[in-house]
């Protein structure tokens, strides 16, 4: 069905995010980042939309935890209806440094990218500092339906990742189910 776009600030600029749902592992109640932007407590907390993982999602989280040795306790399900409005600009996830994330794709394939991290001098209010910015694309692939992309902690630290705008993209919606660890 038609779900509303989420609106939030990304790097200080308003952005629309594809419709999404958050899930927590049963019994999990620690502080987390919601979409890497807002700090909330859950279950509950200001504007928290998460629900407890259903049994099939718990089974997937347990399989990921057993296979890769990372205890995942949070999941985000995102619906991408087309290739222009619903995308993800280059970014690094704000997750604990020793954790990665696991992206399951379903539906029509969409392009996923990893980009180099470059350091650029930026001046703000008279102060110059070095800032990490996305550089050239170093890996790009259409993620097939049913595929699992494992992003290691090192990959998340060293590379930006993105789901770029794709004007020519056509097909049924794509869903991504991202598992990660929240402390």
C-alpha atoms as a PDB file:
ATOM      1  CA  UNK A   1       0.000   0.000   0.000  1.00  0.00           C
ATOM      2  CA  UNK A   2       0.893   3.663  -0.149  1.00  0.00           C
ATOM      3  CA  UNK A   3       2.940   4.626   2.884  1.00  0.00           C
ATOM      4  CA  UNK A   4       4.110   8.149   3.712  1.00  0.00           C
ATOM      5  CA  UNK A   5       7.657   9.246   2.991  1.00  0.00           C
ATOM      6  CA  UNK A   6       9.730   9.968   6.099  1.00  0.00           C
ATOM      7  CA  UNK A   7      11.203  13.460   6.273  1.00  0.00           C
ATOM      8  CA  UNK A   8      14.354  14.266   8.236  1.00  0.00           C
ATOM      9  CA  UNK A   9      17.531  16.319   8.097  1.00  0.00           C
ATOM     10  CA  UNK A  10      20.552  14.753   6.369  1.00  0.00           C
ATOM     11  CA  UNK A  11      23.793  16.737   6.655  1.00  0.00           C
ATOM     12  CA  UNK A  12      21.689  19.721   7.647  1.00  0.00           C
ATOM     13  CA  UNK A  13      19.447  19.576   4.566  1.00  0.00           C
ATOM     14  CA  UNK A  14      15.824  18.393   4.403  1.00  0.00           C
ATOM     15  CA  UNK A  15      15.444  14.989   2.761  1.00  0.00           C
ATOM     16  CA  UNK A  16      12.687  12.498   2.121  1.00  0.00           C
ATOM     17  CA  UNK A  17      13.301   8.897   3.029  1.00  0.00           C
ATOM     18  CA  UNK A  18      11.561   5.874   1.569  1.00  0.00           C
ATOM     19  CA  UNK A  19       8.793   4.378   3.730  1.00  0.00           C
ATOM     20  CA  UNK A  20      10.340   2.241   6.443  1.00  0.00           C
ATOM     21  CA  UNK A  21       9.678   0.204   9.545  1.00  0.00           C
ATOM     22  CA  UNK A  22      12.006  -0.477  12.468  1.00  0.00           C
ATOM     23  CA  UNK A  23      12.167  -3.672  14.498  1.00  0.00           C
ATOM     24  CA  UNK A  24      13.978  -4.615  17.695  1.00  0.00           C
ATOM     25  CA  UNK A  25      15.088  -8.042  18.887  1.00  0.00           C
ATOM     26  CA  UNK A  26      12.823  -9.383  21.678  1.00  0.00           C
ATOM     27  CA  UNK A  27      14.014  -8.091  25.051  1.00  0.00           C
ATOM     28  CA  UNK A  28      16.242  -5.352  23.603  1.00  0.00           C
ATOM     29  CA  UNK A  29      15.808  -2.015  25.372  1.00  0.00           C
ATOM     30  CA  UNK A  30      19.051  -0.042  25.057  1.00  0.00           C
ATOM     31  CA  UNK A  31      19.669   3.394  23.581  1.00  0.00           C
ATOM     32  CA  UNK A  32      19.904   3.502  19.808  1.00  0.00           C
ATOM     33  CA  UNK A  33      20.214   5.836  16.881  1.00  0.00           C
ATOM     34  CA  UNK A  34      17.121   6.027  14.735  1.00  0.00           C
ATOM     35  CA  UNK A  35      18.277   6.246  11.099  1.00  0.00           C
ATOM     36  CA  UNK A  36      21.646   7.470  12.380  1.00  0.00           C
ATOM     37  CA  UNK A  37      20.125  10.865  13.083  1.00  0.00           C
ATOM     38  CA  UNK A  38      18.066  10.877  16.284  1.00  0.00           C
ATOM     39  CA  UNK A  39      18.836   9.373  19.681  1.00  0.00           C
ATOM     40  CA  UNK A  40      15.892   7.550  21.222  1.00  0.00           C
ATOM     41  CA  UNK A  41      15.144   4.891  23.790  1.00  0.00           C
ATOM     42  CA  UNK A  42      13.183   1.855  22.725  1.00  0.00           C
ATOM     43  CA  UNK A  43      10.844   0.164  23.030  1.00  0.00           C
ATOM     44  CA  UNK A  44       8.959   3.438  23.509  1.00  0.00           C
ATOM     45  CA  UNK A  45      10.614   6.833  23.374  1.00  0.00           C
ATOM     46  CA  UNK A  46       9.853   9.984  21.406  1.00  0.00           C
ATOM     47  CA  UNK A  47       8.384   9.241  17.982  1.00  0.00           C
ATOM     48  CA  UNK A  48       9.681   5.652  18.016  1.00  0.00           C
ATOM     49  CA  UNK A  49       7.929   3.528  15.413  1.00  0.00           C
ATOM     50  CA  UNK A  50       9.636   0.208  16.075  1.00  0.00           C
ATOM     51  CA  UNK A  51       8.010  -3.074  16.924  1.00  0.00           C
ATOM     52  CA  UNK A  52       9.313  -6.399  18.148  1.00  0.00           C
ATOM     53  CA  UNK A  53      10.723  -8.625  15.396  1.00  0.00           C
ATOM     54  CA  UNK A  54       8.300 -11.320  14.234  1.00  0.00           C
ATOM     55  CA  UNK A  55       9.509 -14.934  14.620  1.00  0.00           C
ATOM     56  CA  UNK A  56      10.720 -15.227  10.983  1.00  0.00           C
ATOM     57  CA  UNK A  57      12.870 -12.090  11.421  1.00  0.00           C
ATOM     58  CA  UNK A  58      14.244 -13.346  14.757  1.00  0.00           C
ATOM     59  CA  UNK A  59      15.260 -16.571  12.947  1.00  0.00           C
ATOM     60  CA  UNK A  60      17.090 -14.507  10.287  1.00  0.00           C
ATOM     61  CA  UNK A  61      18.806 -12.385  12.974  1.00  0.00           C
ATOM     62  CA  UNK A  62      19.876 -15.544  14.825  1.00  0.00           C
ATOM     63  CA  UNK A  63      21.269 -17.064  11.599  1.00  0.00           C
ATOM     64  CA  UNK A  64      23.263 -13.892  10.852  1.00  0.00           C
ATOM     65  CA  UNK A  65      24.543 -13.773  14.444  1.00  0.00           C
ATOM     66  CA  UNK A  66      25.639 -17.429  14.330  1.00  0.00           C
ATOM     67  CA  UNK A  67      27.210 -17.230  10.846  1.00  0.00           C
ATOM     68  CA  UNK A  68      29.121 -13.930  11.225  1.00  0.00           C
ATOM     69  CA  UNK A  69      29.637 -13.746  14.990  1.00  0.00           C
ATOM     70  CA  UNK A  70      27.882 -10.407  15.369  1.00  0.00           C
ATOM     71  CA  UNK A  71      24.831 -10.301  17.636  1.00  0.00           C
ATOM     72  CA  UNK A  72      22.332  -8.256  15.573  1.00  0.00           C
ATOM     73  CA  UNK A  73      19.408  -6.826  17.526  1.00  0.00           C
ATOM     74  CA  UNK A  74      17.841  -4.216  15.239  1.00  0.00           C
ATOM     75  CA  UNK A  75      16.335  -4.290  11.752  1.00  0.00           C
ATOM     76  CA  UNK A  76      15.074  -1.685   9.304  1.00  0.00           C
ATOM     77  CA  UNK A  77      12.751  -2.618   6.444  1.00  0.00           C
ATOM     78  CA  UNK A  78      12.697  -0.013   3.660  1.00  0.00           C
ATOM     79  CA  UNK A  79      10.468   0.083   0.585  1.00  0.00           C
ATOM     80  CA  UNK A  80      11.932   1.685  -2.564  1.00  0.00           C
ATOM     81  CA  UNK A  81       9.100   2.246  -5.042  1.00  0.00           C
ATOM     82  CA  UNK A  82      11.103   3.788  -7.876  1.00  0.00           C
ATOM     83  CA  UNK A  83      14.547   5.035  -8.781  1.00  0.00           C
ATOM     84  CA  UNK A  84      14.417   8.804  -8.344  1.00  0.00           C
ATOM     85  CA  UNK A  85      12.629   9.908  -5.181  1.00  0.00           C
ATOM     86  CA  UNK A  86      13.592   6.971  -3.007  1.00  0.00           C
ATOM     87  CA  UNK A  87      17.347   6.677  -2.793  1.00  0.00           C
ATOM     88  CA  UNK A  88      20.139   6.865  -0.261  1.00  0.00           C
ATOM     89  CA  UNK A  89      22.902   9.458  -0.775  1.00  0.00           C
ATOM     90  CA  UNK A  90      26.530   8.532  -0.023  1.00  0.00           C
ATOM     91  CA  UNK A  91      26.988   8.089   3.721  1.00  0.00           C
ATOM     92  CA  UNK A  92      28.589   5.987   6.440  1.00  0.00           C
ATOM     93  CA  UNK A  93      26.294   4.366   8.984  1.00  0.00           C
ATOM     94  CA  UNK A  94      26.571   5.643  12.536  1.00  0.00           C
ATOM     95  CA  UNK A  95      26.942   2.289  14.241  1.00  0.00           C
ATOM     96  CA  UNK A  96      29.412   0.961  16.831  1.00  0.00           C
ATOM     97  CA  UNK A  97      32.914   0.893  15.267  1.00  0.00           C
ATOM     98  CA  UNK A  98      33.330  -2.863  15.759  1.00  0.00           C
ATOM     99  CA  UNK A  99      30.061  -3.731  14.008  1.00  0.00           C
ATOM    100  CA  UNK A 100      28.902  -3.908  10.417  1.00  0.00           C
ATOM    101  CA  UNK A 101      25.487  -4.432   8.890  1.00  0.00           C
ATOM    102  CA  UNK A 102      23.726  -7.020   6.743  1.00  0.00           C
ATOM    103  CA  UNK A 103      21.504  -5.990   3.838  1.00  0.00           C
ATOM    104  CA  UNK A 104      18.951  -8.441   2.420  1.00  0.00           C
ATOM    105  CA  UNK A 105      17.377  -7.322  -0.898  1.00  0.00           C
ATOM    106  CA  UNK A 106      13.986  -8.364  -2.246  1.00  0.00           C
ATOM    107  CA  UNK A 107      12.154  -7.305  -5.401  1.00  0.00           C
ATOM    108  CA  UNK A 108      13.449  -5.510  -8.495  1.00  0.00           C
ATOM    109  CA  UNK A 109      17.258  -5.102  -8.293  1.00  0.00           C
ATOM    110  CA  UNK A 110      18.688  -1.636  -7.599  1.00  0.00           C
ATOM    111  CA  UNK A 111      22.229  -0.341  -7.906  1.00  0.00           C
ATOM    112  CA  UNK A 112      24.318  -0.215  -4.707  1.00  0.00           C
ATOM    113  CA  UNK A 113      27.682   1.555  -4.520  1.00  0.00           C
ATOM    114  CA  UNK A 114      30.755   1.862  -2.341  1.00  0.00           C
ATOM    115  CA  UNK A 115      32.717   5.108  -2.743  1.00  0.00           C
ATOM    116  CA  UNK A 116      36.225   6.111  -1.690  1.00  0.00           C
ATOM    117  CA  UNK A 117      36.598   8.319   1.350  1.00  0.00           C
ATOM    118  CA  UNK A 118      38.460  11.535   0.605  1.00  0.00           C
ATOM    119  CA  UNK A 119      39.581  14.225   2.998  1.00  0.00           C
ATOM    120  CA  UNK A 120      38.650  17.756   2.013  1.00  0.00           C
ATOM    121  CA  UNK A 121      39.400  21.063   3.727  1.00  0.00           C
ATOM    122  CA  UNK A 122      36.233  22.872   4.712  1.00  0.00           C
ATOM    123  CA  UNK A 123      35.940  26.282   6.304  1.00  0.00           C
ATOM    124  CA  UNK A 124      33.049  27.039   8.589  1.00  0.00           C
ATOM    125  CA  UNK A 125      32.775  30.201  10.685  1.00  0.00           C
ATOM    126  CA  UNK A 126      36.398  31.033   9.954  1.00  0.00           C
ATOM    127  CA  UNK A 127      37.732  27.639  11.092  1.00  0.00           C
ATOM    128  CA  UNK A 128      39.293  25.268   8.563  1.00  0.00           C
ATOM    129  CA  UNK A 129      39.310  21.527   9.190  1.00  0.00           C
ATOM    130  CA  UNK A 130      39.566  18.273   7.273  1.00  0.00           C
ATOM    131  CA  UNK A 131      36.279  16.491   6.580  1.00  0.00           C
ATOM    132  CA  UNK A 132      35.517  13.044   5.149  1.00  0.00           C
ATOM    133  CA  UNK A 133      33.623  13.282   1.852  1.00  0.00           C
ATOM    134  CA  UNK A 134      32.562  10.671  -0.719  1.00  0.00           C
ATOM    135  CA  UNK A 135      34.910  10.219  -3.671  1.00  0.00           C
ATOM    136  CA  UNK A 136      34.964   7.963  -6.718  1.00  0.00           C
ATOM    137  CA  UNK A 137      32.850   4.813  -6.952  1.00  0.00           C
ATOM    138  CA  UNK A 138      35.041   1.770  -6.215  1.00  0.00           C
ATOM    139  CA  UNK A 139      32.347  -0.939  -6.354  1.00  0.00           C
ATOM    140  CA  UNK A 140      28.907  -0.986  -7.907  1.00  0.00           C
ATOM    141  CA  UNK A 141      26.441  -3.816  -8.301  1.00  0.00           C
ATOM    142  CA  UNK A 142      22.750  -4.412  -8.772  1.00  0.00           C
ATOM    143  CA  UNK A 143      21.618  -6.323  -5.706  1.00  0.00           C
ATOM    144  CA  UNK A 144      19.566  -9.302  -6.860  1.00  0.00           C
ATOM    145  CA  UNK A 145      16.353 -10.303  -5.121  1.00  0.00           C
ATOM    146  CA  UNK A 146      17.198 -12.661  -2.278  1.00  0.00           C
ATOM    147  CA  UNK A 147      20.830 -11.514  -2.049  1.00  0.00           C
ATOM    148  CA  UNK A 148      22.671 -10.691   1.177  1.00  0.00           C
ATOM    149  CA  UNK A 149      25.331  -7.968   1.225  1.00  0.00           C
ATOM    150  CA  UNK A 150      27.623  -8.124   4.268  1.00  0.00           C
ATOM    151  CA  UNK A 151      29.193  -4.763   5.116  1.00  0.00           C
ATOM    152  CA  UNK A 152      32.030  -5.334   7.572  1.00  0.00           C
ATOM    153  CA  UNK A 153      33.050  -2.806  10.235  1.00  0.00           C
ATOM    154  CA  UNK A 154      36.181  -1.998   8.195  1.00  0.00           C
ATOM    155  CA  UNK A 155      34.125  -1.391   5.035  1.00  0.00           C
ATOM    156  CA  UNK A 156      31.764   0.960   6.897  1.00  0.00           C
ATOM    157  CA  UNK A 157      34.739   2.916   8.315  1.00  0.00           C
ATOM    158  CA  UNK A 158      36.697   3.131   5.054  1.00  0.00           C
ATOM    159  CA  UNK A 159      33.982   3.623   2.416  1.00  0.00           C
ATOM    160  CA  UNK A 160      30.816   5.605   1.897  1.00  0.00           C
ATOM    161  CA  UNK A 161      27.875   3.612   0.531  1.00  0.00           C
ATOM    162  CA  UNK A 162      24.850   4.686  -1.492  1.00  0.00           C
ATOM    163  CA  UNK A 163      21.739   3.594  -3.343  1.00  0.00           C
ATOM    164  CA  UNK A 164      21.933   6.241  -6.094  1.00  0.00           C
ATOM    165  CA  UNK A 165      19.116   7.790  -8.072  1.00  0.00           C
ATOM    166  CA  UNK A 166      18.408   5.684 -11.153  1.00  0.00           C
ATOM    167  CA  UNK A 167      16.024   7.406 -13.576  1.00  0.00           C
ATOM    168  CA  UNK A 168      15.819   4.402 -15.923  1.00  0.00           C
ATOM    169  CA  UNK A 169      14.947   1.963 -13.111  1.00  0.00           C
ATOM    170  CA  UNK A 170      11.642   0.172 -13.667  1.00  0.00           C
ATOM    171  CA  UNK A 171       9.874  -2.694 -12.035  1.00  0.00           C
ATOM    172  CA  UNK A 172       8.126  -3.693  -8.863  1.00  0.00           C
ATOM    173  CA  UNK A 173       9.200  -2.098  -5.569  1.00  0.00           C
ATOM    174  CA  UNK A 174      12.462  -3.142  -3.955  1.00  0.00           C
ATOM    175  CA  UNK A 175      12.650  -3.901  -0.255  1.00  0.00           C
ATOM    176  CA  UNK A 176      15.822  -3.858   1.795  1.00  0.00           C
ATOM    177  CA  UNK A 177      15.962  -5.477   5.210  1.00  0.00           C
ATOM    178  CA  UNK A 178      19.007  -4.241   7.100  1.00  0.00           C
ATOM    179  CA  UNK A 179      20.165  -5.958  10.279  1.00  0.00           C
ATOM    180  CA  UNK A 180      22.593  -4.191  12.607  1.00  0.00           C
ATOM    181  CA  UNK A 181      23.804  -4.123  16.189  1.00  0.00           C
ATOM    182  CA  UNK A 182      22.669  -1.387  18.557  1.00  0.00           C
ATOM    183  CA  UNK A 183      24.199  -0.856  21.995  1.00  0.00           C
END
